[in-house]
Amino acid sequence: MRFSRDWLGDFVELPDDTEELARRLTAAGLAVDTVEKTADVDSVLDIDVTTNRVDAMNHLGLAREIAVLYGLPLREPAAAVPEGGEETTAAVRVAIEDPELCSRYVARVVRGVAVGPSPDWLARRLRAIGQRPINNVVDATNYVLWELGQPLHGFDLAQIAGAEIRVRRARAGETLVTLDGEERKLTPEMLVIADSGHPVALAGVMGGEQSEVGPGTKDVLLESAWFDPRSVRATAKALGMHTDACHRFERGVDPELQARAAARAAALVAEAGGGT
């Protein structure tokens, strides 16, 4: 996994010697394979994060390790978000129909978004760690994934039938065209995110093409949830899929992180897209 030194510096005062930092991290069990410079004069550490360290698969988590190694304070990212006058519950209804497989589902709505390219600083940081910028909404969710460790997903709210989200198991015969353009045949063992009529995402794995955020999107529904690791692993394996999201859900994300990550993503979307 690639980590930006510039990004890590938001959270902890880094030593000047990056090579020494790499040696200290390696000795602590986070093996640094390479240190390289980017075109933006940022140093990138390529680290072999073991599967039991999902807490370190993000910049804040790695910064926490560095803070401990050097006895330094950790600076947490801001979690507050300016609120509009409308309640989220007035914009969308959420029902968790299978609490064993989804114990928490946080939804935030950002209205009046102008979907377009991300600000340079955001796109630059994503490129540094090997992520391709897509648009300001998708990039904001990917940014929070790599900053805090919580996978998120953005829906075009206008494409959510009935303005409702149902977290349920798939029904026999249901299918979903995922964001990669592939039609997926679903089984009742799979957890999905559905609107009032049909599935719109594979829980913890990938969103659906029909509700994708695109140039015509005005209102964005942000999802931040906790999904059962075994359920996500089984769905991804059955469908032959692997994503950054399921890589983390399969290993167990922090069950207390969802609301904070949703607020952080909503603030970034509003900032980058001019929404409320």
C-alpha atoms as a PDB file:
ATOM      1  CA  MET A   1       0.000   0.000   0.000  1.00  0.00           C
ATOM      2  CA  ARG A   2       1.200   3.477  -0.889  1.00  0.00           C
ATOM      3  CA  PHE A   3       1.253   6.314   1.645  1.00  0.00           C
ATOM      4  CA  SER A   4       1.985   9.977   0.948  1.00  0.00           C
ATOM      5  CA  ARG A   5       4.461  11.663   3.281  1.00  0.00           C
ATOM      6  CA  ASP A   6       2.763  14.997   2.596  1.00  0.00           C
ATOM      7  CA  TRP A   7      -0.602  13.511   3.634  1.00  0.00           C
ATOM      8  CA  LEU A   8       0.828  11.852   6.748  1.00  0.00           C
ATOM      9  CA  GLY A   9       2.234  15.236   7.741  1.00  0.00           C
ATOM     10  CA  ASP A  10      -1.304  16.519   8.261  1.00  0.00           C
ATOM     11  CA  PHE A  11      -1.590  14.294  11.324  1.00  0.00           C
ATOM     12  CA  VAL A  12       1.879  14.038  12.881  1.00  0.00           C
ATOM     13  CA  GLU A  13       5.151  15.973  12.816  1.00  0.00           C
ATOM     14  CA  LEU A  14       7.353  13.783  10.630  1.00  0.00           C
ATOM     15  CA  PRO A  15      11.136  13.437  11.002  1.00  0.00           C
ATOM     16  CA  ASP A  16      13.221  14.994   8.222  1.00  0.00           C
ATOM     17  CA  ASP A  17      14.917  11.669   7.420  1.00  0.00           C
ATOM     18  CA  THR A  18      12.375   9.602   5.471  1.00  0.00           C
ATOM     19  CA  GLU A  19      14.759   6.643   5.214  1.00  0.00           C
ATOM     20  CA  GLU A  20      15.091   6.544   9.006  1.00  0.00           C
ATOM     21  CA  LEU A  21      11.300   6.706   9.276  1.00  0.00           C
ATOM     22  CA  ALA A  22      11.100   3.726   6.905  1.00  0.00           C
ATOM     23  CA  ARG A  23      13.545   1.769   9.061  1.00  0.00           C
ATOM     24  CA  ARG A  24      11.587   2.526  12.241  1.00  0.00           C
ATOM     25  CA  LEU A  25       8.285   1.475  10.664  1.00  0.00           C
ATOM     26  CA  THR A  26       9.816  -1.738   9.298  1.00  0.00           C
ATOM     27  CA  ALA A  27      11.200  -2.622  12.725  1.00  0.00           C
ATOM     28  CA  ALA A  28       7.707  -2.062  14.159  1.00  0.00           C
ATOM     29  CA  GLY A  29       6.160  -4.614  11.774  1.00  0.00           C
ATOM     30  CA  LEU A  30       5.054  -2.280   8.975  1.00  0.00           C
ATOM     31  CA  ALA A  31       7.600  -3.255   6.348  1.00  0.00           C
ATOM     32  CA  VAL A  32       8.478  -0.391   3.989  1.00  0.00           C
ATOM     33  CA  ASP A  33       9.379  -1.909   0.620  1.00  0.00           C
ATOM     34  CA  THR A  34      10.352   1.304  -1.174  1.00  0.00           C
ATOM     35  CA  VAL A  35      10.468   5.074  -0.772  1.00  0.00           C
ATOM     36  CA  GLU A  36      10.050   7.077  -3.967  1.00  0.00           C
ATOM     37  CA  LYS A  37       9.613  10.677  -5.063  1.00  0.00           C
ATOM     38  CA  THR A  38       6.626  11.775  -7.138  1.00  0.00           C
ATOM     39  CA  ALA A  39       6.468  14.459  -9.808  1.00  0.00           C
ATOM     40  CA  ASP A  40       4.863  16.705  -7.169  1.00  0.00           C
ATOM     41  CA  VAL A  41       7.960  16.436  -4.930  1.00  0.00           C
ATOM     42  CA  ASP A  42       6.149  14.216  -2.451  1.00  0.00           C
ATOM     43  CA  SER A  43       7.735  11.121  -0.946  1.00  0.00           C
ATOM     44  CA  VAL A  44       5.635   7.955  -1.138  1.00  0.00           C
ATOM     45  CA  LEU A  45       6.195   4.977   1.138  1.00  0.00           C
ATOM     46  CA  ASP A  46       5.162   1.603  -0.249  1.00  0.00           C
ATOM     47  CA  ILE A  47       4.333  -0.474   2.832  1.00  0.00           C
ATOM     48  CA  ASP A  48       3.432  -4.129   3.203  1.00  0.00           C
ATOM     49  CA  VAL A  49       0.506  -3.833   5.629  1.00  0.00           C
ATOM     50  CA  THR A  50      -0.378  -7.283   6.940  1.00  0.00           C
ATOM     51  CA  THR A  51      -3.975  -8.474   6.794  1.00  0.00           C
ATOM     52  CA  ASN A  52      -4.449  -8.220  10.569  1.00  0.00           C
ATOM     53  CA  ARG A  53      -3.626  -4.493  10.563  1.00  0.00           C
ATOM     54  CA  VAL A  54      -6.704  -3.001   8.915  1.00  0.00           C
ATOM     55  CA  ASP A  55      -6.291  -0.105  11.368  1.00  0.00           C
ATOM     56  CA  ALA A  56      -3.056   0.839   9.561  1.00  0.00           C
ATOM     57  CA  MET A  57      -4.484   0.681   6.022  1.00  0.00           C
ATOM     58  CA  ASN A  58      -5.054   4.442   5.988  1.00  0.00           C
ATOM     59  CA  HIS A  59      -3.046   7.609   6.548  1.00  0.00           C
ATOM     60  CA  LEU A  60      -4.440   8.462   9.976  1.00  0.00           C
ATOM     61  CA  GLY A  61      -3.805   4.919  11.196  1.00  0.00           C
ATOM     62  CA  LEU A  62      -0.212   4.949   9.950  1.00  0.00           C
ATOM     63  CA  ALA A  63       0.301   8.418  11.435  1.00  0.00           C
ATOM     64  CA  ARG A  64      -0.909   7.033  14.767  1.00  0.00           C
ATOM     65  CA  GLU A  65       1.830   4.387  14.609  1.00  0.00           C
ATOM     66  CA  ILE A  66       4.432   7.049  13.818  1.00  0.00           C
ATOM     67  CA  ALA A  67       3.211   9.205  16.707  1.00  0.00           C
ATOM     68  CA  VAL A  68       3.713   6.273  19.082  1.00  0.00           C
ATOM     69  CA  LEU A  69       7.147   5.404  17.673  1.00  0.00           C
ATOM     70  CA  TYR A  70       8.431   8.945  18.090  1.00  0.00           C
ATOM     71  CA  GLY A  71       6.425   9.969  21.165  1.00  0.00           C
ATOM     72  CA  LEU A  72       4.639  12.745  19.283  1.00  0.00           C
ATOM     73  CA  PRO A  73       1.067  14.096  19.488  1.00  0.00           C
ATOM     74  CA  LEU A  74      -1.454  12.986  16.862  1.00  0.00           C
ATOM     75  CA  ARG A  75      -3.516  15.644  15.069  1.00  0.00           C
ATOM     76  CA  GLU A  76      -6.980  14.349  14.219  1.00  0.00           C
ATOM     77  CA  PRO A  77      -8.687  15.639  11.042  1.00  0.00           C
ATOM     78  CA  ALA A  78     -11.657  17.944  11.495  1.00  0.00           C
ATOM     79  CA  ALA A  79     -14.958  16.062  11.734  1.00  0.00           C
ATOM     80  CA  ALA A  80     -17.407  18.975  11.898  1.00  0.00           C
ATOM     81  CA  VAL A  81     -19.521  19.725   8.833  1.00  0.00           C
ATOM     82  CA  PRO A  82     -21.685  22.816   8.132  1.00  0.00           C
ATOM     83  CA  GLU A  83     -25.323  21.719   8.179  1.00  0.00           C
ATOM     84  CA  GLY A  84     -28.145  22.832   5.887  1.00  0.00           C
ATOM     85  CA  GLY A  85     -31.653  23.434   7.166  1.00  0.00           C
ATOM     86  CA  GLU A  86     -33.133  20.158   5.881  1.00  0.00           C
ATOM     87  CA  GLU A  87     -33.028  16.940   7.918  1.00  0.00           C
ATOM     88  CA  THR A  88     -31.484  13.967   6.113  1.00  0.00           C
ATOM     89  CA  THR A  89     -34.513  11.897   7.105  1.00  0.00           C
ATOM     90  CA  ALA A  90     -36.671  14.233   5.027  1.00  0.00           C
ATOM     91  CA  ALA A  91     -34.582  13.492   1.945  1.00  0.00           C
ATOM     92  CA  VAL A  92     -34.186   9.702   2.266  1.00  0.00           C
ATOM     93  CA  ARG A  93     -35.462   6.915   4.494  1.00  0.00           C
ATOM     94  CA  VAL A  94     -33.163   4.102   5.626  1.00  0.00           C
ATOM     95  CA  ALA A  95     -34.257   0.658   6.814  1.00  0.00           C
ATOM     96  CA  ILE A  96     -31.796  -2.026   7.935  1.00  0.00           C
ATOM     97  CA  GLU A  97     -33.699  -5.242   7.303  1.00  0.00           C
ATOM     98  CA  ASP A  98     -30.804  -7.565   8.204  1.00  0.00           C
ATOM     99  CA  PRO A  99     -29.064  -6.161  11.291  1.00  0.00           C
ATOM    100  CA  GLU A 100     -26.874  -9.262  11.616  1.00  0.00           C
ATOM    101  CA  LEU A 101     -25.109  -8.387   8.366  1.00  0.00           C
ATOM    102  CA  CYS A 102     -25.311  -4.595   8.728  1.00  0.00           C
ATOM    103  CA  SER A 103     -25.253  -3.269  12.269  1.00  0.00           C
ATOM    104  CA  ARG A 104     -24.917   0.392  11.294  1.00  0.00           C
ATOM    105  CA  TYR A 105     -25.807   2.446   8.226  1.00  0.00           C
ATOM    106  CA  VAL A 106     -25.146   6.182   8.174  1.00  0.00           C
ATOM    107  CA  ALA A 107     -26.559   8.334   5.362  1.00  0.00           C
ATOM    108  CA  ARG A 108     -25.766  11.953   4.556  1.00  0.00           C
ATOM    109  CA  VAL A 109     -27.228  14.045   1.720  1.00  0.00           C
ATOM    110  CA  VAL A 110     -25.431  16.869  -0.073  1.00  0.00           C
ATOM    111  CA  ARG A 111     -27.743  18.923  -2.301  1.00  0.00           C
ATOM    112  CA  GLY A 112     -26.880  21.202  -5.199  1.00  0.00           C
ATOM    113  CA  VAL A 113     -23.585  19.588  -6.102  1.00  0.00           C
ATOM    114  CA  ALA A 114     -21.823  20.516  -9.344  1.00  0.00           C
ATOM    115  CA  VAL A 115     -20.056  17.292 -10.347  1.00  0.00           C
ATOM    116  CA  GLY A 116     -16.716  17.936 -12.029  1.00  0.00           C
ATOM    117  CA  PRO A 117     -12.950  17.618 -11.582  1.00  0.00           C
ATOM    118  CA  SER A 118     -11.570  17.588  -8.044  1.00  0.00           C
ATOM    119  CA  PRO A 119      -9.425  20.409  -6.664  1.00  0.00           C
ATOM    120  CA  ASP A 120      -5.750  20.010  -7.544  1.00  0.00           C
ATOM    121  CA  TRP A 121      -4.681  19.224  -3.975  1.00  0.00           C
ATOM    122  CA  LEU A 122      -7.152  16.351  -3.681  1.00  0.00           C
ATOM    123  CA  ALA A 123      -6.402  14.881  -7.108  1.00  0.00           C
ATOM    124  CA  ARG A 124      -2.653  15.195  -6.484  1.00  0.00           C
ATOM    125  CA  ARG A 125      -2.809  13.222  -3.258  1.00  0.00           C
ATOM    126  CA  LEU A 126      -4.862  10.463  -4.834  1.00  0.00           C
ATOM    127  CA  ARG A 127      -2.462  10.215  -7.790  1.00  0.00           C
ATOM    128  CA  ALA A 128       0.491  10.011  -5.412  1.00  0.00           C
ATOM    129  CA  ILE A 129      -0.850   6.786  -3.919  1.00  0.00           C
ATOM    130  CA  GLY A 130      -1.819   5.300  -7.282  1.00  0.00           C
ATOM    131  CA  GLN A 131      -5.499   6.233  -7.327  1.00  0.00           C
ATOM    132  CA  ARG A 132      -7.017   7.652 -10.531  1.00  0.00           C
ATOM    133  CA  PRO A 133      -9.115  10.807  -9.935  1.00  0.00           C
ATOM    134  CA  ILE A 134     -12.654  10.418 -11.328  1.00  0.00           C
ATOM    135  CA  ASN A 135     -14.789  13.344 -10.146  1.00  0.00           C
ATOM    136  CA  ASN A 136     -15.112  15.461  -7.024  1.00  0.00           C
ATOM    137  CA  VAL A 137     -17.747  13.220  -5.400  1.00  0.00           C
ATOM    138  CA  VAL A 138     -16.127   9.843  -6.069  1.00  0.00           C
ATOM    139  CA  ASP A 139     -12.714  11.292  -5.232  1.00  0.00           C
ATOM    140  CA  ALA A 140     -14.018  12.596  -1.885  1.00  0.00           C
ATOM    141  CA  THR A 141     -15.214   9.118  -0.897  1.00  0.00           C
ATOM    142  CA  ASN A 142     -11.909   7.565  -2.002  1.00  0.00           C
ATOM    143  CA  TYR A 143     -10.010  10.261  -0.125  1.00  0.00           C
ATOM    144  CA  VAL A 144     -11.811   9.456   3.131  1.00  0.00           C
ATOM    145  CA  LEU A 145     -11.203   5.733   2.589  1.00  0.00           C
ATOM    146  CA  TRP A 146      -7.461   6.368   2.375  1.00  0.00           C
ATOM    147  CA  GLU A 147      -7.486   8.995   5.123  1.00  0.00           C
ATOM    148  CA  LEU A 148      -9.618   7.320   7.819  1.00  0.00           C
ATOM    149  CA  GLY A 149     -10.023   3.712   6.650  1.00  0.00           C
ATOM    150  CA  GLN A 150     -13.805   3.753   6.192  1.00  0.00           C
ATOM    151  CA  PRO A 151     -15.117   2.717   2.759  1.00  0.00           C
ATOM    152  CA  LEU A 152     -17.961   4.924   1.522  1.00  0.00           C
ATOM    153  CA  HIS A 153     -20.191   5.099  -1.518  1.00  0.00           C
ATOM    154  CA  GLY A 154     -21.961   7.969  -3.242  1.00  0.00           C
ATOM    155  CA  PHE A 155     -25.341   7.531  -4.973  1.00  0.00           C
ATOM    156  CA  ASP A 156     -27.173   9.891  -7.288  1.00  0.00           C
ATOM    157  CA  LEU A 157     -30.155  10.528  -5.020  1.00  0.00           C
ATOM    158  CA  ALA A 158     -32.472  11.137  -7.983  1.00  0.00           C
ATOM    159  CA  GLN A 159     -31.869   7.536  -9.086  1.00  0.00           C
ATOM    160  CA  ILE A 160     -32.915   6.039  -5.719  1.00  0.00           C
ATOM    161  CA  ALA A 161     -36.530   4.984  -6.313  1.00  0.00           C
ATOM    162  CA  GLY A 162     -38.934   6.014  -3.574  1.00  0.00           C
ATOM    163  CA  ALA A 163     -36.140   8.001  -1.886  1.00  0.00           C
ATOM    164  CA  GLU A 164     -35.530   5.023   0.367  1.00  0.00           C
ATOM    165  CA  ILE A 165     -32.647   2.704   1.168  1.00  0.00           C
ATOM    166  CA  ARG A 166     -33.242  -0.871   2.244  1.00  0.00           C
ATOM    167  CA  VAL A 167     -30.314  -2.932   3.468  1.00  0.00           C
ATOM    168  CA  ARG A 168     -31.494  -6.481   2.774  1.00  0.00           C
ATOM    169  CA  ARG A 169     -30.551  -9.807   1.295  1.00  0.00           C
ATOM    170  CA  ALA A 170     -30.950 -10.214  -2.442  1.00  0.00           C
ATOM    171  CA  ARG A 171     -34.021 -12.013  -3.719  1.00  0.00           C
ATOM    172  CA  ALA A 172     -33.916 -15.040  -5.985  1.00  0.00           C
ATOM    173  CA  GLY A 173     -33.479 -13.990  -9.600  1.00  0.00           C
ATOM    174  CA  GLU A 174     -32.336 -10.432  -8.911  1.00  0.00           C
ATOM    175  CA  THR A 175     -29.423  -9.001 -10.876  1.00  0.00           C
ATOM    176  CA  LEU A 176     -27.321  -5.850 -10.680  1.00  0.00           C
ATOM    177  CA  VAL A 177     -25.110  -4.157 -13.235  1.00  0.00           C
ATOM    178  CA  THR A 178     -22.144  -2.976 -11.164  1.00  0.00           C
ATOM    179  CA  LEU A 179     -19.952   0.059 -11.818  1.00  0.00           C
ATOM    180  CA  ASP A 180     -17.560  -2.045 -13.894  1.00  0.00           C
ATOM    181  CA  GLY A 181     -20.364  -2.706 -16.404  1.00  0.00           C
ATOM    182  CA  GLU A 182     -20.785  -6.377 -15.477  1.00  0.00           C
ATOM    183  CA  GLU A 183     -24.207  -7.889 -14.811  1.00  0.00           C
ATOM    184  CA  ARG A 184     -24.102  -9.789 -11.515  1.00  0.00           C
ATOM    185  CA  LYS A 185     -26.493 -12.617 -10.738  1.00  0.00           C
ATOM    186  CA  LEU A 186     -27.422 -12.329  -7.081  1.00  0.00           C
ATOM    187  CA  THR A 187     -28.377 -14.998  -4.576  1.00  0.00           C
ATOM    188  CA  PRO A 188     -30.295 -14.751  -1.271  1.00  0.00           C
ATOM    189  CA  GLU A 189     -27.023 -15.154   0.666  1.00  0.00           C
ATOM    190  CA  MET A 190     -25.791 -11.775  -0.618  1.00  0.00           C
ATOM    191  CA  LEU A 191     -26.432  -8.501   1.186  1.00  0.00           C
ATOM    192  CA  VAL A 192     -27.462  -5.629  -1.076  1.00  0.00           C
ATOM    193  CA  ILE A 193     -28.383  -1.985  -0.818  1.00  0.00           C
ATOM    194  CA  ALA A 194     -31.771  -1.582  -2.501  1.00  0.00           C
ATOM    195  CA  ASP A 195     -34.187   1.234  -3.166  1.00  0.00           C
ATOM    196  CA  SER A 196     -37.944   0.699  -3.120  1.00  0.00           C
ATOM    197  CA  GLY A 197     -37.747  -1.550  -6.156  1.00  0.00           C
ATOM    198  CA  HIS A 198     -34.412  -3.199  -6.817  1.00  0.00           C
ATOM    199  CA  PRO A 199     -30.747  -3.487  -5.718  1.00  0.00           C
ATOM    200  CA  VAL A 200     -28.542  -0.451  -6.314  1.00  0.00           C
ATOM    201  CA  ALA A 201     -25.291  -1.732  -4.766  1.00  0.00           C
ATOM    202  CA  LEU A 202     -23.531  -4.836  -3.484  1.00  0.00           C
ATOM    203  CA  ALA A 203     -23.044  -4.139   0.212  1.00  0.00           C
ATOM    204  CA  GLY A 204     -19.371  -3.568   0.964  1.00  0.00           C
ATOM    205  CA  VAL A 205     -18.195  -4.536  -2.527  1.00  0.00           C
ATOM    206  CA  MET A 206     -19.298  -2.186  -5.338  1.00  0.00           C
ATOM    207  CA  GLY A 207     -22.049   0.198  -6.335  1.00  0.00           C
ATOM    208  CA  GLY A 208     -24.462  -0.165  -9.206  1.00  0.00           C
ATOM    209  CA  GLU A 209     -24.202   1.526 -12.585  1.00  0.00           C
ATOM    210  CA  GLN A 210     -27.772   2.859 -12.617  1.00  0.00           C
ATOM    211  CA  SER A 211     -27.318   5.028  -9.490  1.00  0.00           C
ATOM    212  CA  GLU A 212     -23.769   6.144 -10.325  1.00  0.00           C
ATOM    213  CA  VAL A 213     -22.776   9.750  -9.653  1.00  0.00           C
ATOM    214  CA  GLY A 214     -22.171  11.501 -12.970  1.00  0.00           C
ATOM    215  CA  PRO A 215     -22.191  14.908 -14.697  1.00  0.00           C
ATOM    216  CA  GLY A 216     -25.978  15.234 -14.338  1.00  0.00           C
ATOM    217  CA  THR A 217     -26.058  14.488 -10.608  1.00  0.00           C
ATOM    218  CA  LYS A 218     -27.327  17.323  -8.416  1.00  0.00           C
ATOM    219  CA  ASP A 219     -28.036  15.647  -5.077  1.00  0.00           C
ATOM    220  CA  VAL A 220     -25.689  13.052  -3.593  1.00  0.00           C
ATOM    221  CA  LEU A 221     -26.523  10.384  -1.033  1.00  0.00           C
ATOM    222  CA  LEU A 222     -23.441   9.281   0.904  1.00  0.00           C
ATOM    223  CA  GLU A 223     -23.318   5.831   2.480  1.00  0.00           C
ATOM    224  CA  SER A 224     -21.060   4.954   5.413  1.00  0.00           C
ATOM    225  CA  ALA A 225     -21.806   1.570   6.966  1.00  0.00           C
ATOM    226  CA  TRP A 226     -20.515  -1.412   8.906  1.00  0.00           C
ATOM    227  CA  PHE A 227     -20.995  -4.719   7.087  1.00  0.00           C
ATOM    228  CA  ASP A 228     -20.315  -8.202   8.411  1.00  0.00           C
ATOM    229  CA  PRO A 229     -16.824  -9.281   7.225  1.00  0.00           C
ATOM    230  CA  ARG A 230     -17.850 -12.861   6.426  1.00  0.00           C
ATOM    231  CA  SER A 231     -20.804 -11.697   4.352  1.00  0.00           C
ATOM    232  CA  VAL A 232     -18.685  -9.279   2.304  1.00  0.00           C
ATOM    233  CA  ARG A 233     -15.983 -11.917   1.788  1.00  0.00           C
ATOM    234  CA  ALA A 234     -18.482 -14.529   0.649  1.00  0.00           C
ATOM    235  CA  THR A 235     -20.194 -12.159  -1.805  1.00  0.00           C
ATOM    236  CA  ALA A 236     -16.921 -10.928  -3.298  1.00  0.00           C
ATOM    237  CA  LYS A 237     -15.584 -14.468  -3.647  1.00  0.00           C
ATOM    238  CA  ALA A 238     -18.780 -15.808  -5.217  1.00  0.00           C
ATOM    239  CA  LEU A 239     -18.736 -13.034  -7.827  1.00  0.00           C
ATOM    240  CA  GLY A 240     -14.975 -13.038  -8.393  1.00  0.00           C
ATOM    241  CA  MET A 241     -14.596  -9.423  -7.294  1.00  0.00           C
ATOM    242  CA  HIS A 242     -12.010  -7.547  -5.252  1.00  0.00           C
ATOM    243  CA  THR A 243     -12.122  -3.830  -4.407  1.00  0.00           C
ATOM    244  CA  ASP A 244     -10.452  -1.455  -1.953  1.00  0.00           C
ATOM    245  CA  ALA A 245     -13.746  -1.412  -0.055  1.00  0.00           C
ATOM    246  CA  CYS A 246     -14.177  -5.159   0.351  1.00  0.00           C
ATOM    247  CA  HIS A 247     -10.459  -5.527   1.181  1.00  0.00           C
ATOM    248  CA  ARG A 248     -11.167  -3.537   4.338  1.00  0.00           C
ATOM    249  CA  PHE A 249     -14.685  -4.735   5.133  1.00  0.00           C
ATOM    250  CA  GLU A 250     -13.490  -8.352   4.928  1.00  0.00           C
ATOM    251  CA  ARG A 251     -10.961  -7.601   7.655  1.00  0.00           C
ATOM    252  CA  GLY A 252     -13.302  -5.603   9.885  1.00  0.00           C
ATOM    253  CA  VAL A 253     -13.483  -1.803   9.862  1.00  0.00           C
ATOM    254  CA  ASP A 254     -13.852   0.235  13.045  1.00  0.00           C
ATOM    255  CA  PRO A 255     -17.560   0.002  14.047  1.00  0.00           C
ATOM    256  CA  GLU A 256     -17.391   3.480  15.617  1.00  0.00           C
ATOM    257  CA  LEU A 257     -16.074   5.267  12.512  1.00  0.00           C
ATOM    258  CA  GLN A 258     -19.146   5.525  10.266  1.00  0.00           C
ATOM    259  CA  ALA A 259     -20.692   8.836  11.366  1.00  0.00           C
ATOM    260  CA  ARG A 260     -17.337  10.587  11.514  1.00  0.00           C
ATOM    261  CA  ALA A 261     -16.346   9.376   8.049  1.00  0.00           C
ATOM    262  CA  ALA A 262     -19.724  10.367   6.596  1.00  0.00           C
ATOM    263  CA  ALA A 263     -19.363  13.882   8.009  1.00  0.00           C
ATOM    264  CA  ARG A 264     -15.821  14.183   6.655  1.00  0.00           C
ATOM    265  CA  ALA A 265     -16.907  13.017   3.192  1.00  0.00           C
ATOM    266  CA  ALA A 266     -19.949  15.314   3.184  1.00  0.00           C
ATOM    267  CA  ALA A 267     -17.760  18.288   4.039  1.00  0.00           C
ATOM    268  CA  LEU A 268     -15.326  17.432   1.217  1.00  0.00           C
ATOM    269  CA  VAL A 269     -18.149  16.973  -1.308  1.00  0.00           C
ATOM    270  CA  ALA A 270     -19.715  20.295  -0.291  1.00  0.00           C
ATOM    271  CA  GLU A 271     -16.335  22.029  -0.489  1.00  0.00           C
ATOM    272  CA  ALA A 272     -15.308  20.539  -3.828  1.00  0.00           C
ATOM    273  CA  GLY A 273     -18.747  20.577  -5.445  1.00  0.00           C
ATOM    274  CA  GLY A 274     -20.330  23.678  -3.975  1.00  0.00           C
ATOM    275  CA  GLY A 275     -23.226  21.787  -2.376  1.00  0.00           C
ATOM    276  CA  THR A 276     -25.137  22.047   0.923  1.00  0.00           C
END
